[in-house]
Amino acid sequence: MRTLKRPHGPGGPPHAPASARFTTARKGIETAGTIIKQDVLVSIDNHNVRPKRPAWLRAPAPVGAEYRDLKKLVDGLNLHTVCESAACPNVGECWNHRTATFMILGNVCTRRCGFCNVQKGVPLEVDLDEPRRVAEACAALGLRYAVITSVNRDDRKDGGAELFAATIRAIRERIADCKVEVLIPDFQGSRDALAIVMEAAPDVLNHNVETVPRLYREVRIGARYERSLEVLQRARQMRPEIPTKSGVMVGLGEESAEVLDVLRDLRAHGVGIATIGQYLRPTPSHLPVLRYVPPGEFAMYREEGLKMGFSHIESGPLVRSSYHASEAL
């Protein structure tokens, strides 16, 4: 693997405008009696740095009969979707095509990443009936491809791996021919937790690196780039027949050369499927968008990635980790 540069400190990337610098602090977060020390985003000074959102970056509004039916189903089964919790711009398109990414282990995350719209704080109790309800929703939707993700559960020794495995098994028992992709957290690098998920044999193992290593301290608080690469590599070592996948956001201050370096690192660690999409700021309290990446640059990333040996790449402004997920197999 290439020698990785350490990310810059709280001042932000060296080429970012002074008004776009990010401030972080060390803070103890109490979760189920455990104090987790981690960087927490405490302020963002984004005065006069927000670029104008281009006209071509528009997603369909979340309306329509299929959207309403799916929302009623999800609410009725007391389930969470990352589509709603993370304010995904594609929720209207995907739900009207009766596809959704289910989020297990509650909707409160133990980490405080500056880009993510999911609630932060003391997590909910683990709901052991959740796998059954997710499988019921998949059956009601007639899914042939299901995507399961979760919040980070650093309060649990297994990081929630057992519930991932139980959900995979529950879907397969209910819909024998349904493929299951899981988008997992890093489980704090636990080999045992990853093994629990891999033993359940998901059809695709996804873990997002999210951004370039230089920006990790500002963007992906509580995570490490090298650890994420290790998770992906170990997954391939445990089950070589299961493809691995990862995603990157752009528009946070990275350079195009850095994005290409991330793609090279992913290939070096056995990853065959990649997604690249534009970061969109969920609220004014999240990290600012420093650049709207033009469609031509996304096309370049896809072309260069395919040359590196990726079997499938989704690259575009509105691409998210599970966007058109079934098309990769």
Protein backbone atom coordinates (compact mmCIF):
# COMPACT_ATOMS: atom_id res chain seq x y z
CA MET A 1 0.00 0.00 0.00
CA ARG A 2 1.13 3.57 -0.61
CA THR A 3 2.51 5.62 2.25
CA LEU A 4 -0.45 7.58 3.58
CA LYS A 5 -0.18 11.19 4.66
CA ARG A 6 -1.59 12.01 8.06
CA PRO A 7 -4.66 14.27 7.92
CA HIS A 8 -4.26 17.92 8.80
CA GLY A 9 -5.31 19.22 12.18
CA PRO A 10 -8.39 21.17 13.23
CA GLY A 11 -7.53 24.07 10.91
CA GLY A 12 -8.77 22.10 7.92
CA PRO A 13 -7.13 21.46 4.57
CA PRO A 14 -4.26 23.84 3.75
CA HIS A 15 -5.88 25.03 0.52
CA ALA A 16 -9.31 25.74 2.01
CA PRO A 17 -10.32 29.38 2.53
CA ALA A 18 -9.81 30.61 6.09
CA SER A 19 -13.56 31.08 6.40
CA ALA A 20 -14.07 27.39 5.62
CA ARG A 21 -11.86 26.11 8.41
CA PHE A 22 -13.35 23.50 10.72
CA THR A 23 -13.09 23.42 14.50
CA THR A 24 -13.16 20.19 16.47
CA ALA A 25 -12.81 19.32 20.14
CA ARG A 26 -12.32 16.25 22.27
CA LYS A 27 -15.48 15.26 24.06
CA GLY A 28 -16.69 12.28 26.06
CA ILE A 29 -19.94 10.77 24.81
CA GLU A 30 -21.72 8.56 27.30
CA THR A 31 -23.31 5.51 25.72
CA ALA A 32 -24.74 2.73 27.84
CA GLY A 33 -22.35 3.51 30.69
CA THR A 34 -19.31 3.80 28.43
CA ILE A 35 -17.51 7.09 27.80
CA ILE A 36 -16.29 7.21 24.21
CA LYS A 37 -13.58 9.80 23.62
CA GLN A 38 -13.63 11.20 20.12
CA ASP A 39 -13.39 14.35 18.07
CA VAL A 40 -16.67 16.22 17.90
CA LEU A 41 -17.49 18.93 15.43
CA VAL A 42 -18.20 22.05 17.46
CA SER A 43 -18.19 24.85 14.91
CA ILE A 44 -17.90 25.58 11.22
CA ASP A 45 -17.17 29.07 10.01
CA ASN A 46 -18.51 29.04 6.48
CA HIS A 47 -18.98 32.76 5.85
CA ASN A 48 -19.08 33.56 2.13
CA VAL A 49 -17.72 30.18 1.01
CA ARG A 50 -20.85 28.28 0.01
CA PRO A 51 -20.88 27.87 -3.77
CA LYS A 52 -24.16 28.24 -5.61
CA ARG A 53 -25.89 24.94 -6.23
CA PRO A 54 -25.85 24.29 -10.00
CA ALA A 55 -29.08 23.92 -11.93
CA TRP A 56 -28.23 20.38 -13.05
CA LEU A 57 -27.98 19.15 -9.46
CA ARG A 58 -31.63 18.49 -8.79
CA ALA A 59 -33.41 15.37 -7.52
CA PRO A 60 -37.10 14.51 -7.99
CA ALA A 61 -39.31 15.50 -5.08
CA PRO A 62 -40.38 12.58 -2.84
CA VAL A 63 -43.98 12.26 -4.02
CA GLY A 64 -46.15 9.63 -5.70
CA ALA A 65 -48.31 6.67 -4.75
CA GLU A 66 -45.43 4.19 -4.47
CA TYR A 67 -43.53 6.60 -2.21
CA ARG A 68 -46.52 7.01 0.08
CA ASP A 69 -47.16 3.25 0.20
CA LEU A 70 -43.56 2.45 1.09
CA LYS A 71 -43.45 5.14 3.77
CA LYS A 72 -46.64 3.73 5.27
CA LEU A 73 -45.12 0.23 5.26
CA VAL A 74 -41.85 1.35 6.89
CA ASP A 75 -43.65 3.40 9.53
CA GLY A 76 -46.14 0.61 10.20
CA LEU A 77 -43.36 -1.89 10.88
CA ASN A 78 -41.47 0.62 13.04
CA LEU A 79 -38.39 0.46 10.82
CA HIS A 80 -35.76 3.01 9.92
CA THR A 81 -34.32 3.72 6.48
CA VAL A 82 -31.10 5.53 5.74
CA CYS A 83 -33.05 7.15 2.91
CA GLU A 84 -34.95 9.28 5.43
CA SER A 85 -32.49 9.42 8.34
CA ALA A 86 -29.59 10.59 6.16
CA ALA A 87 -31.77 12.84 3.98
CA CYS A 88 -30.81 11.03 0.77
CA PRO A 89 -31.61 13.09 -2.35
CA ASN A 90 -32.75 9.96 -4.20
CA VAL A 91 -35.49 8.96 -1.78
CA GLY A 92 -38.23 9.96 -4.23
CA GLU A 93 -36.74 8.05 -7.18
CA CYS A 94 -35.84 4.93 -5.20
CA TRP A 95 -39.04 4.65 -3.20
CA ASN A 96 -41.16 5.11 -6.29
CA HIS A 97 -39.26 2.10 -7.70
CA ARG A 98 -39.99 0.25 -4.44
CA THR A 99 -36.38 0.05 -3.30
CA ALA A 100 -35.04 1.18 0.06
CA THR A 101 -31.99 0.79 2.29
CA PHE A 102 -33.03 -0.42 5.72
CA MET A 103 -31.11 0.89 8.73
CA ILE A 104 -30.95 -1.49 11.67
CA LEU A 105 -29.75 -1.02 15.27
CA GLY A 106 -31.84 2.11 15.75
CA ASN A 107 -31.46 5.59 14.30
CA VAL A 108 -29.07 7.16 16.83
CA CYS A 109 -25.34 6.97 16.09
CA THR A 110 -22.49 6.89 18.61
CA ARG A 111 -20.22 8.94 16.32
CA ARG A 112 -20.48 12.55 15.23
CA CYS A 113 -19.26 12.76 11.65
CA GLY A 114 -19.51 16.27 10.26
CA PHE A 115 -21.24 15.21 7.04
CA CYS A 116 -23.94 12.87 8.34
CA ASN A 117 -27.55 13.77 9.09
CA VAL A 118 -28.28 10.72 11.28
CA GLN A 119 -29.06 11.55 14.91
CA LYS A 120 -26.15 11.45 17.37
CA GLY A 121 -26.14 10.57 21.06
CA VAL A 122 -27.06 7.74 23.39
CA PRO A 123 -28.21 4.86 21.15
CA LEU A 124 -31.48 2.97 21.39
CA GLU A 125 -31.81 -0.48 22.89
CA VAL A 126 -31.12 -3.25 20.37
CA ASP A 127 -34.41 -4.56 18.99
CA LEU A 128 -33.97 -8.30 18.48
CA ASP A 129 -37.23 -8.48 16.51
CA GLU A 130 -35.92 -6.01 13.94
CA PRO A 131 -34.53 -8.65 11.53
CA ARG A 132 -37.96 -10.28 11.27
CA ARG A 133 -39.65 -6.96 10.49
CA VAL A 134 -37.04 -6.04 7.88
CA ALA A 135 -37.61 -9.41 6.21
CA GLU A 136 -41.37 -8.81 6.34
CA ALA A 137 -40.92 -5.44 4.63
CA CYS A 138 -38.69 -6.98 1.94
CA ALA A 139 -41.33 -9.64 1.27
CA ALA A 140 -44.13 -7.05 1.12
CA LEU A 141 -42.10 -5.06 -1.41
CA GLY A 142 -41.29 -8.17 -3.44
CA LEU A 143 -37.61 -7.34 -3.30
CA ARG A 144 -35.01 -9.38 -5.13
CA TYR A 145 -32.17 -7.19 -3.83
CA ALA A 146 -32.09 -5.77 -0.30
CA VAL A 147 -29.58 -3.34 1.20
CA ILE A 148 -29.06 -3.28 4.96
CA THR A 149 -27.00 -0.71 6.85
CA SER A 150 -26.77 0.60 10.40
CA VAL A 151 -25.67 3.40 12.63
CA ASN A 152 -22.33 3.00 14.40
CA ARG A 153 -22.80 1.12 17.67
CA ASP A 154 -19.49 1.66 19.46
CA ASP A 155 -21.34 0.95 22.71
CA ARG A 156 -21.55 -2.75 21.81
CA LYS A 157 -18.67 -5.20 21.82
CA ASP A 158 -19.67 -6.64 18.44
CA GLY A 159 -20.66 -3.26 17.00
CA GLY A 160 -24.01 -4.76 16.04
CA ALA A 161 -22.55 -7.54 13.88
CA GLU A 162 -24.89 -10.20 15.32
CA LEU A 163 -27.95 -8.22 14.22
CA PHE A 164 -26.51 -7.82 10.71
CA ALA A 165 -26.09 -11.58 10.51
CA ALA A 166 -29.57 -12.21 11.90
CA THR A 167 -31.08 -9.82 9.35
CA ILE A 168 -29.32 -11.54 6.45
CA ARG A 169 -30.62 -14.92 7.61
CA ALA A 170 -34.16 -13.61 8.21
CA ILE A 171 -34.40 -12.17 4.68
CA ARG A 172 -33.10 -15.39 3.12
CA GLU A 173 -35.58 -17.48 5.12
CA ARG A 174 -38.47 -15.27 3.96
CA ILE A 175 -37.33 -14.72 0.34
CA ALA A 176 -34.97 -17.48 -0.73
CA ASP A 177 -33.79 -15.80 -3.95
CA CYS A 178 -33.35 -12.28 -2.53
CA LYS A 179 -29.78 -11.01 -2.69
CA VAL A 180 -28.56 -9.06 0.36
CA GLU A 181 -25.97 -6.30 0.40
CA VAL A 182 -24.76 -5.01 3.76
CA LEU A 183 -23.20 -1.61 4.32
CA ILE A 184 -21.33 -2.06 7.58
CA PRO A 185 -19.51 0.27 9.98
CA ASP A 186 -15.86 -0.42 10.79
CA PHE A 187 -16.74 -2.30 14.03
CA GLN A 188 -13.74 -0.43 15.51
CA GLY A 189 -11.52 -2.84 13.60
CA SER A 190 -12.84 -5.97 15.33
CA ARG A 191 -11.91 -9.05 13.32
CA ASP A 192 -14.40 -11.16 15.30
CA ALA A 193 -17.30 -8.80 14.53
CA LEU A 194 -16.48 -8.81 10.82
CA ALA A 195 -16.27 -12.62 10.86
CA ILE A 196 -19.82 -12.82 12.27
CA VAL A 197 -21.14 -10.86 9.27
CA MET A 198 -19.07 -12.75 6.71
CA GLU A 199 -20.21 -16.12 8.08
CA ALA A 200 -23.78 -15.08 7.22
CA ALA A 201 -22.59 -14.76 3.59
CA PRO A 202 -23.98 -11.45 2.32
CA ASP A 203 -23.97 -11.17 -1.47
CA VAL A 204 -22.00 -7.90 -1.25
CA LEU A 205 -19.98 -6.50 1.66
CA ASN A 206 -19.91 -2.70 1.55
CA HIS A 207 -17.93 -0.40 3.80
CA ASN A 208 -17.44 3.23 2.80
CA VAL A 209 -14.14 5.04 3.16
CA GLU A 210 -16.21 8.23 2.59
CA THR A 211 -13.39 10.71 1.88
CA VAL A 212 -9.69 11.09 1.17
CA PRO A 213 -7.29 10.38 4.07
CA ARG A 214 -6.20 14.02 4.41
CA LEU A 215 -9.73 15.07 5.39
CA TYR A 216 -10.55 12.27 7.82
CA ARG A 217 -10.10 14.33 10.98
CA GLU A 218 -12.64 16.90 9.80
CA VAL A 219 -15.04 14.63 7.94
CA ARG A 220 -15.07 11.17 9.47
CA ILE A 221 -14.59 11.68 13.16
CA GLY A 222 -13.80 8.53 15.14
CA ALA A 223 -12.70 6.57 12.06
CA ARG A 224 -9.33 5.86 10.44
CA TYR A 225 -8.67 5.47 6.73
CA GLU A 226 -6.19 2.63 7.21
CA ARG A 227 -8.65 0.76 9.43
CA SER A 228 -11.39 0.99 6.80
CA LEU A 229 -9.04 -0.41 4.17
CA GLU A 230 -8.18 -3.26 6.55
CA VAL A 231 -11.88 -4.06 7.04
CA LEU A 232 -12.36 -4.37 3.29
CA GLN A 233 -9.23 -6.45 2.82
CA ARG A 234 -10.09 -8.81 5.68
CA ALA A 235 -13.57 -9.35 4.28
CA ARG A 236 -12.03 -10.57 1.02
CA GLN A 237 -9.59 -12.77 2.90
CA MET A 238 -12.39 -14.35 4.94
CA ARG A 239 -14.72 -14.95 1.97
CA PRO A 240 -12.92 -14.40 -1.35
CA GLU A 241 -16.09 -15.26 -3.30
CA ILE A 242 -18.01 -12.29 -1.82
CA PRO A 243 -17.41 -9.00 -3.66
CA THR A 244 -16.52 -5.92 -1.63
CA LYS A 245 -17.63 -2.38 -2.28
CA SER A 246 -16.82 1.12 -1.03
CA GLY A 247 -17.91 4.70 -1.59
CA VAL A 248 -16.42 8.20 -1.61
CA MET A 249 -17.98 11.66 -1.34
CA VAL A 250 -16.51 14.62 -3.21
CA GLY A 251 -16.91 18.36 -2.78
CA LEU A 252 -15.39 18.60 0.71
CA GLY A 253 -12.04 20.09 -0.31
CA GLU A 254 -10.30 17.04 -1.79
CA GLU A 255 -8.24 17.17 -4.98
CA SER A 256 -9.06 14.92 -7.95
CA ALA A 257 -5.64 13.26 -7.66
CA GLU A 258 -6.51 12.30 -4.08
CA VAL A 259 -9.77 10.68 -5.21
CA LEU A 260 -7.87 8.64 -7.78
CA ASP A 261 -5.39 7.62 -5.09
CA VAL A 262 -8.29 6.38 -2.95
CA LEU A 263 -9.55 4.29 -5.87
CA ARG A 264 -6.06 2.80 -6.25
CA ASP A 265 -5.96 1.97 -2.54
CA LEU A 266 -9.35 0.29 -2.75
CA ARG A 267 -8.24 -1.86 -5.68
CA ALA A 268 -5.03 -2.74 -3.82
CA HIS A 269 -7.22 -4.03 -0.98
CA GLY A 270 -9.41 -6.19 -3.21
CA VAL A 271 -12.42 -3.90 -3.67
CA GLY A 272 -14.23 -4.41 -6.98
CA ILE A 273 -17.27 -2.09 -6.76
CA ALA A 274 -17.13 1.65 -6.05
CA THR A 275 -19.51 4.59 -5.76
CA ILE A 276 -18.60 8.27 -6.04
CA GLY A 277 -21.10 11.05 -5.34
CA GLN A 278 -21.40 14.73 -4.52
CA TYR A 279 -21.50 15.69 -0.85
CA LEU A 280 -24.65 17.68 -0.12
CA ARG A 281 -24.88 19.58 3.14
CA PRO A 282 -27.87 18.32 5.15
CA THR A 283 -28.18 21.37 7.44
CA PRO A 284 -26.26 24.61 8.17
CA SER A 285 -24.64 22.89 11.18
CA HIS A 286 -22.89 20.32 8.97
CA LEU A 287 -19.68 20.67 6.99
CA PRO A 288 -19.97 23.13 4.10
CA VAL A 289 -19.85 22.15 0.44
CA LEU A 290 -16.61 23.62 -0.89
CA ARG A 291 -17.18 22.63 -4.52
CA TYR A 292 -19.86 21.19 -6.77
CA VAL A 293 -18.07 18.65 -8.91
CA PRO A 294 -19.13 18.83 -12.59
CA PRO A 295 -20.54 15.75 -14.37
CA GLY A 296 -17.47 15.48 -16.58
CA GLU A 297 -15.23 14.91 -13.57
CA PHE A 298 -17.50 12.13 -12.33
CA ALA A 299 -17.26 10.53 -15.77
CA MET A 300 -13.46 10.76 -15.54
CA TYR A 301 -13.45 8.98 -12.16
CA ARG A 302 -15.56 6.18 -13.60
CA GLU A 303 -13.37 5.81 -16.67
CA GLU A 304 -10.13 5.80 -14.67
CA GLY A 305 -11.57 3.41 -12.09
CA LEU A 306 -12.60 0.90 -14.71
CA LYS A 307 -9.05 1.05 -16.09
CA MET A 308 -7.81 0.17 -12.59
CA GLY A 309 -9.86 -3.02 -12.67
CA PHE A 310 -13.10 -2.20 -10.86
CA SER A 311 -15.90 -4.39 -12.14
CA HIS A 312 -18.55 -1.71 -11.56
CA ILE A 313 -18.51 2.00 -10.69
CA GLU A 314 -21.44 4.33 -10.10
CA SER A 315 -20.13 7.88 -10.36
CA GLY A 316 -22.35 10.95 -10.54
CA PRO A 317 -23.60 13.97 -8.58
CA LEU A 318 -26.55 12.18 -6.95
CA VAL A 319 -24.93 8.77 -6.54
CA ARG A 320 -25.11 7.34 -3.03
CA SER A 321 -23.77 4.08 -1.67
CA SER A 322 -26.80 1.94 -2.50
CA TYR A 323 -27.84 3.78 -5.67
CA HIS A 324 -28.55 1.21 -8.41
CA ALA A 325 -26.91 -1.34 -6.10
CA SER A 326 -28.40 -4.39 -7.81
CA GLU A 327 -26.81 -3.45 -11.15
CA ALA A 328 -23.32 -4.26 -9.82
CA LEU A 329 -23.98 -8.02 -9.78
